[in-house]
């Protein structure tokens, strides 16, 4: 995809997936990749940013002698997701109106 996805949209995508269930970074990336071409090098900085903004919390869990860091949506994250979805809906409607159906 040649279109650069804005950070706010990527944050909303991550939060939307985490709304379903807490996930560790690799599993989250794989789930997003079913719909969008996104890499680990994109996902992890977004997760750090969301954690710094208190939109997700983390907990560590040992699995097969490795520690996995699970991310979970906070109440603030749910509110942010709702606002970001409303912003996206408005933006996409405006772009669709300008570009039309081709």
C-alpha atoms as a PDB file:
ATOM      1  CA  UNK A   1       0.000   0.000   0.000  1.00  0.00           C
ATOM      2  CA  UNK A   2       1.504   3.318  -1.060  1.00  0.00           C
ATOM      3  CA  UNK A   3      -0.645   5.451   1.251  1.00  0.00           C
ATOM      4  CA  UNK A   4       0.998   6.339   4.562  1.00  0.00           C
ATOM      5  CA  UNK A   5      -1.390   5.601   7.428  1.00  0.00           C
ATOM      6  CA  UNK A   6      -1.520   8.416  10.038  1.00  0.00           C
ATOM      7  CA  UNK A   7      -0.321   7.587  13.557  1.00  0.00           C
ATOM      8  CA  UNK A   8      -3.737   8.275  15.082  1.00  0.00           C
ATOM      9  CA  UNK A   9      -5.304   5.719  12.748  1.00  0.00           C
ATOM     10  CA  UNK A  10      -2.627   3.130  13.550  1.00  0.00           C
ATOM     11  CA  UNK A  11      -3.147   3.752  17.267  1.00  0.00           C
ATOM     12  CA  UNK A  12      -6.891   3.239  16.805  1.00  0.00           C
ATOM     13  CA  UNK A  13      -6.269   0.007  14.890  1.00  0.00           C
ATOM     14  CA  UNK A  14      -4.092  -1.341  17.704  1.00  0.00           C
ATOM     15  CA  UNK A  15      -6.608  -0.293  20.358  1.00  0.00           C
ATOM     16  CA  UNK A  16      -9.448  -1.814  18.370  1.00  0.00           C
ATOM     17  CA  UNK A  17      -7.727  -5.195  18.246  1.00  0.00           C
ATOM     18  CA  UNK A  18      -6.876  -4.978  21.956  1.00  0.00           C
ATOM     19  CA  UNK A  19     -10.512  -4.203  22.709  1.00  0.00           C
ATOM     20  CA  UNK A  20     -11.280  -7.820  21.768  1.00  0.00           C
ATOM     21  CA  UNK A  21      -8.653  -9.332  24.083  1.00  0.00           C
ATOM     22  CA  UNK A  22      -5.263  -8.633  25.690  1.00  0.00           C
ATOM     23  CA  UNK A  23      -2.429  -9.708  23.373  1.00  0.00           C
ATOM     24  CA  UNK A  24       1.360  -9.738  23.297  1.00  0.00           C
ATOM     25  CA  UNK A  25       3.093  -7.733  20.580  1.00  0.00           C
ATOM     26  CA  UNK A  26       3.812 -10.491  18.061  1.00  0.00           C
ATOM     27  CA  UNK A  27       0.257 -11.890  18.221  1.00  0.00           C
ATOM     28  CA  UNK A  28      -1.151  -8.375  17.904  1.00  0.00           C
ATOM     29  CA  UNK A  29       0.975  -7.682  14.827  1.00  0.00           C
ATOM     30  CA  UNK A  30      -0.074 -10.966  13.198  1.00  0.00           C
ATOM     31  CA  UNK A  31      -3.746 -10.185  13.819  1.00  0.00           C
ATOM     32  CA  UNK A  32      -3.430  -6.719  12.266  1.00  0.00           C
ATOM     33  CA  UNK A  33      -1.490  -8.157   9.304  1.00  0.00           C
ATOM     34  CA  UNK A  34      -4.599 -10.093   8.318  1.00  0.00           C
ATOM     35  CA  UNK A  35      -5.996  -6.743   7.128  1.00  0.00           C
ATOM     36  CA  UNK A  36      -3.077  -4.285   6.870  1.00  0.00           C
ATOM     37  CA  UNK A  37       0.565  -4.550   5.838  1.00  0.00           C
ATOM     38  CA  UNK A  38       2.193  -3.600   9.148  1.00  0.00           C
ATOM     39  CA  UNK A  39       5.568  -4.650  10.570  1.00  0.00           C
ATOM     40  CA  UNK A  40       6.888  -5.272  14.069  1.00  0.00           C
ATOM     41  CA  UNK A  41       8.990  -2.150  13.674  1.00  0.00           C
ATOM     42  CA  UNK A  42       5.738  -0.199  13.349  1.00  0.00           C
ATOM     43  CA  UNK A  43       3.726  -1.985  16.029  1.00  0.00           C
ATOM     44  CA  UNK A  44       6.131  -1.781  18.968  1.00  0.00           C
ATOM     45  CA  UNK A  45       6.664   2.008  18.905  1.00  0.00           C
ATOM     46  CA  UNK A  46       2.864   2.428  18.769  1.00  0.00           C
ATOM     47  CA  UNK A  47       2.485   0.153  21.787  1.00  0.00           C
ATOM     48  CA  UNK A  48       5.127   2.133  23.718  1.00  0.00           C
ATOM     49  CA  UNK A  49       3.360   5.402  22.842  1.00  0.00           C
ATOM     50  CA  UNK A  50      -0.031   4.010  23.911  1.00  0.00           C
ATOM     51  CA  UNK A  51       1.483   2.811  27.186  1.00  0.00           C
ATOM     52  CA  UNK A  52       3.058   6.224  27.843  1.00  0.00           C
ATOM     53  CA  UNK A  53      -0.346   7.860  27.253  1.00  0.00           C
ATOM     54  CA  UNK A  54      -1.961   5.360  29.701  1.00  0.00           C
ATOM     55  CA  UNK A  55      -4.208   4.041  26.929  1.00  0.00           C
ATOM     56  CA  UNK A  56      -2.968   0.489  27.512  1.00  0.00           C
ATOM     57  CA  UNK A  57      -1.578  -1.347  30.509  1.00  0.00           C
ATOM     58  CA  UNK A  58       0.884  -4.203  30.430  1.00  0.00           C
ATOM     59  CA  UNK A  59       1.513  -7.385  32.338  1.00  0.00           C
ATOM     60  CA  UNK A  60       4.252  -9.913  31.841  1.00  0.00           C
ATOM     61  CA  UNK A  61       3.636 -13.622  31.586  1.00  0.00           C
ATOM     62  CA  UNK A  62       6.148 -16.460  31.172  1.00  0.00           C
ATOM     63  CA  UNK A  63       5.483 -18.758  28.231  1.00  0.00           C
ATOM     64  CA  UNK A  64       7.885 -21.515  27.167  1.00  0.00           C
ATOM     65  CA  UNK A  65      10.672 -19.972  29.258  1.00  0.00           C
ATOM     66  CA  UNK A  66      10.194 -16.581  27.588  1.00  0.00           C
ATOM     67  CA  UNK A  67       8.521 -13.514  29.000  1.00  0.00           C
ATOM     68  CA  UNK A  68       5.665 -12.110  26.964  1.00  0.00           C
ATOM     69  CA  UNK A  69       4.388  -8.607  27.565  1.00  0.00           C
ATOM     70  CA  UNK A  70       0.610  -8.500  27.211  1.00  0.00           C
ATOM     71  CA  UNK A  71      -1.166  -5.252  26.369  1.00  0.00           C
ATOM     72  CA  UNK A  72      -4.672  -4.459  27.545  1.00  0.00           C
ATOM     73  CA  UNK A  73      -6.964  -1.519  26.826  1.00  0.00           C
ATOM     74  CA  UNK A  74      -7.626   0.926  29.687  1.00  0.00           C
ATOM     75  CA  UNK A  75     -10.781   2.995  30.205  1.00  0.00           C
ATOM     76  CA  UNK A  76      -8.886   5.972  28.752  1.00  0.00           C
ATOM     77  CA  UNK A  77      -7.921   3.796  25.803  1.00  0.00           C
ATOM     78  CA  UNK A  78     -11.563   2.917  25.176  1.00  0.00           C
ATOM     79  CA  UNK A  79     -12.486   6.609  25.162  1.00  0.00           C
ATOM     80  CA  UNK A  80      -9.565   7.441  22.856  1.00  0.00           C
ATOM     81  CA  UNK A  81     -10.632   4.636  20.514  1.00  0.00           C
ATOM     82  CA  UNK A  82     -14.197   5.922  20.402  1.00  0.00           C
ATOM     83  CA  UNK A  83     -13.001   9.458  19.573  1.00  0.00           C
ATOM     84  CA  UNK A  84     -10.513   8.206  16.974  1.00  0.00           C
ATOM     85  CA  UNK A  85     -13.229   6.118  15.288  1.00  0.00           C
ATOM     86  CA  UNK A  86     -15.521   9.154  15.110  1.00  0.00           C
ATOM     87  CA  UNK A  87     -12.664  11.228  13.639  1.00  0.00           C
ATOM     88  CA  UNK A  88     -11.927   8.478  11.115  1.00  0.00           C
ATOM     89  CA  UNK A  89     -15.575   8.228  10.074  1.00  0.00           C
ATOM     90  CA  UNK A  90     -15.747  11.957   9.411  1.00  0.00           C
ATOM     91  CA  UNK A  91     -12.418  11.970   7.558  1.00  0.00           C
ATOM     92  CA  UNK A  92     -13.229   8.924   5.419  1.00  0.00           C
ATOM     93  CA  UNK A  93     -16.635  10.353   4.507  1.00  0.00           C
ATOM     94  CA  UNK A  94     -14.982  13.592   3.404  1.00  0.00           C
ATOM     95  CA  UNK A  95     -12.334  11.782   1.340  1.00  0.00           C
ATOM     96  CA  UNK A  96     -14.933   9.483  -0.241  1.00  0.00           C
ATOM     97  CA  UNK A  97     -17.055  12.508  -1.161  1.00  0.00           C
ATOM     98  CA  UNK A  98     -14.049  14.156  -2.804  1.00  0.00           C
ATOM     99  CA  UNK A  99     -12.739  11.085  -4.600  1.00  0.00           C
ATOM    100  CA  UNK A 100     -16.120   9.616  -5.455  1.00  0.00           C
ATOM    101  CA  UNK A 101     -16.691   6.056  -6.517  1.00  0.00           C
ATOM    102  CA  UNK A 102     -14.116   5.105  -9.176  1.00  0.00           C
END
